[in-house]
């Protein structure tokens, strides 16, 4: 039984994102979750075309045109799964039963030789503003002023007895 069209039109999230397009990848910084994502060309193509109107089949056709060869349906589902995992979709498509519960490794196995063009998203969590300000307090051992809250690291203090150390003041 095929899912109806309304369940098969994923929509990319665009709010609170900073997007930078590069030749072979797309960088997305998520302001809401303080995460940076790097999408390879395959994942970027899927994300950019998740407009809430194109179906999964239409996304596969676009991918086929871009690759110049047939694209397994699993590749689209893998990309959509990653986009959903990293909260880059406002609306996700409902996976058909044959893909439900399938993990990334299973999909890679099914895709086979097309694995070279697999969608990949690398993600890192950026430190929050509060964490960035958590420098060493006065009286803590330091090696340079950039480590101290006061931006002042001097010889002596409680750390002066340890070789090659200074203290935040």
Protein backbone atom coordinates (compact mmCIF):
# COMPACT_ATOMS: atom_id res chain seq x y z
CA UNK A 1 0.00 0.00 0.00
CA UNK A 2 1.45 3.34 -1.03
CA UNK A 3 1.41 6.32 1.31
CA UNK A 4 -0.68 9.24 0.12
CA UNK A 5 1.01 12.26 -1.44
CA UNK A 6 0.55 14.51 1.61
CA UNK A 7 2.79 12.18 3.65
CA UNK A 8 5.52 12.20 1.00
CA UNK A 9 6.37 15.90 0.69
CA UNK A 10 9.19 16.74 3.09
CA UNK A 11 9.81 20.38 3.89
CA UNK A 12 13.20 21.79 4.84
CA UNK A 13 13.53 24.03 7.85
CA UNK A 14 14.82 27.54 7.09
CA UNK A 15 14.11 29.50 10.26
CA UNK A 16 17.03 30.28 12.55
CA UNK A 17 19.54 28.81 10.11
CA UNK A 18 22.55 30.45 8.52
CA UNK A 19 23.29 28.79 5.18
CA UNK A 20 26.54 29.11 3.24
CA UNK A 21 26.80 27.42 -0.14
CA UNK A 22 30.22 26.17 -1.22
CA UNK A 23 31.17 24.40 -4.48
CA UNK A 24 30.80 20.79 -3.23
CA UNK A 25 28.99 21.22 0.07
CA UNK A 26 26.50 23.24 2.04
CA UNK A 27 27.28 24.63 5.48
CA UNK A 28 24.35 25.21 7.80
CA UNK A 29 24.59 26.77 11.24
CA UNK A 30 21.53 26.10 13.38
CA UNK A 31 21.08 29.07 15.72
CA UNK A 32 18.27 27.36 17.62
CA UNK A 33 20.31 24.26 18.56
CA UNK A 34 23.86 25.72 18.37
CA UNK A 35 24.95 23.11 15.84
CA UNK A 36 26.97 23.36 12.66
CA UNK A 37 26.24 20.94 9.82
CA UNK A 38 28.20 20.23 6.67
CA UNK A 39 26.09 18.56 3.96
CA UNK A 40 27.82 16.91 1.05
CA UNK A 41 26.53 17.58 -2.46
CA UNK A 42 24.01 14.71 -2.32
CA UNK A 43 22.49 15.67 1.05
CA UNK A 44 22.48 19.35 0.04
CA UNK A 45 20.58 18.61 -3.16
CA UNK A 46 17.89 16.80 -1.19
CA UNK A 47 17.65 19.52 1.50
CA UNK A 48 17.48 22.37 -1.03
CA UNK A 49 14.63 20.63 -2.86
CA UNK A 50 12.55 19.75 0.20
CA UNK A 51 10.09 22.54 -0.47
CA UNK A 52 6.91 20.96 0.87
CA UNK A 53 5.70 20.35 -2.71
CA UNK A 54 8.10 17.80 -4.18
CA UNK A 55 7.45 14.18 -3.34
CA UNK A 56 10.13 11.65 -2.48
CA UNK A 57 9.80 10.26 -6.02
CA UNK A 58 10.33 13.75 -7.47
CA UNK A 59 13.41 14.19 -5.26
CA UNK A 60 14.73 10.90 -6.61
CA UNK A 61 14.18 12.10 -10.19
CA UNK A 62 16.11 15.31 -9.44
CA UNK A 63 18.91 13.25 -7.98
CA UNK A 64 18.89 11.00 -11.04
CA UNK A 65 19.17 14.04 -13.36
CA UNK A 66 22.02 15.43 -11.27
CA UNK A 67 23.91 12.10 -11.12
CA UNK A 68 23.23 11.16 -14.72
CA UNK A 69 22.27 7.64 -13.68
CA UNK A 70 19.52 5.87 -11.74
CA UNK A 71 19.43 6.56 -8.01
CA UNK A 72 18.15 3.97 -5.53
CA UNK A 73 15.18 5.09 -3.46
CA UNK A 74 17.19 4.18 -0.35
CA UNK A 75 19.52 7.12 -1.00
CA UNK A 76 16.68 9.61 -0.72
CA UNK A 77 15.40 7.97 2.46
CA UNK A 78 18.90 7.98 3.93
CA UNK A 79 19.25 11.71 3.21
CA UNK A 80 15.81 12.45 4.64
CA UNK A 81 16.58 10.37 7.72
CA UNK A 82 19.78 12.34 8.35
CA UNK A 83 18.06 15.67 7.75
CA UNK A 84 15.37 14.71 10.23
CA UNK A 85 17.93 13.50 12.79
CA UNK A 86 19.76 16.84 12.64
CA UNK A 87 16.46 18.77 12.83
CA UNK A 88 16.83 20.33 9.39
CA UNK A 89 13.28 19.46 8.30
CA UNK A 90 10.05 21.19 9.32
CA UNK A 91 8.03 18.30 7.93
CA UNK A 92 9.41 14.81 7.37
CA UNK A 93 8.06 12.28 4.88
CA UNK A 94 6.60 9.09 6.32
CA UNK A 95 8.91 6.17 5.58
CA UNK A 96 7.33 3.29 3.66
CA UNK A 97 7.10 0.02 5.58
CA UNK A 98 10.08 -1.54 3.74
CA UNK A 99 12.36 1.23 5.11
CA UNK A 100 10.90 1.56 8.61
CA UNK A 101 13.40 0.49 11.24
CA UNK A 102 16.22 0.28 8.69
CA UNK A 103 19.41 1.84 9.97
CA UNK A 104 22.12 3.63 8.02
CA UNK A 105 24.26 0.48 7.73
CA UNK A 106 21.34 -1.49 6.24
CA UNK A 107 20.67 1.26 3.73
CA UNK A 108 24.34 1.42 2.74
CA UNK A 109 24.30 -2.35 2.20
CA UNK A 110 21.23 -2.08 -0.03
CA UNK A 111 22.61 0.85 -2.04
CA UNK A 112 25.87 -0.98 -2.81
CA UNK A 113 28.10 0.64 -5.41
CA UNK A 114 26.13 3.88 -5.31
CA UNK A 115 27.57 4.36 -1.81
CA UNK A 116 30.13 6.74 -3.29
CA UNK A 117 27.40 9.35 -3.67
CA UNK A 118 25.71 8.61 -0.35
CA UNK A 119 24.30 11.64 1.40
CA UNK A 120 26.51 12.62 4.32
CA UNK A 121 25.94 15.20 7.01
CA UNK A 122 28.75 15.99 9.43
CA UNK A 123 27.62 17.82 12.51
CA UNK A 124 29.24 19.46 15.50
CA UNK A 125 27.72 21.10 18.54
CA UNK A 126 28.91 24.66 18.94
CA UNK A 127 29.59 25.88 22.47
CA UNK A 128 26.91 28.15 23.88
CA UNK A 129 27.77 31.75 24.68
CA UNK A 130 27.81 30.86 28.39
CA UNK A 131 30.31 28.04 27.82
CA UNK A 132 32.53 30.30 25.71
CA UNK A 133 32.80 32.72 28.62
CA UNK A 134 33.84 30.05 31.11
CA UNK A 135 37.50 31.00 31.42
CA UNK A 136 39.68 30.33 34.46
CA UNK A 137 38.80 32.28 37.64
CA UNK A 138 41.35 34.33 39.62
CA UNK A 139 43.88 32.22 41.50
CA UNK A 140 43.79 29.42 38.92
CA UNK A 141 46.97 28.25 37.20
CA UNK A 142 47.39 29.44 33.61
CA UNK A 143 49.89 29.54 30.79
CA UNK A 144 48.66 32.60 28.89
CA UNK A 145 46.29 35.57 29.47
CA UNK A 146 43.66 34.18 27.06
CA UNK A 147 42.87 31.45 29.58
CA UNK A 148 41.88 33.91 32.36
CA UNK A 149 38.55 35.63 32.91
CA UNK A 150 40.49 38.80 33.70
CA UNK A 151 42.71 38.35 30.62
CA UNK A 152 45.62 38.77 33.06
CA UNK A 153 48.02 35.87 33.70
CA UNK A 154 51.05 36.78 35.85
CA UNK A 155 54.05 35.04 37.40
CA UNK A 156 53.54 34.23 41.08
CA UNK A 157 50.38 33.76 43.15
CA UNK A 158 49.31 30.27 44.22
CA UNK A 159 50.72 28.74 41.06
CA UNK A 160 54.13 30.43 41.26
CA UNK A 161 55.62 27.51 43.18
CA UNK A 162 54.97 25.17 40.22
CA UNK A 163 57.55 25.31 37.38
CA UNK A 164 56.55 27.30 34.26
CA UNK A 165 53.12 28.27 35.58
CA UNK A 166 51.44 31.56 36.29
CA UNK A 167 48.23 32.61 38.02
CA UNK A 168 45.09 34.31 36.79
CA UNK A 169 44.56 37.58 38.67
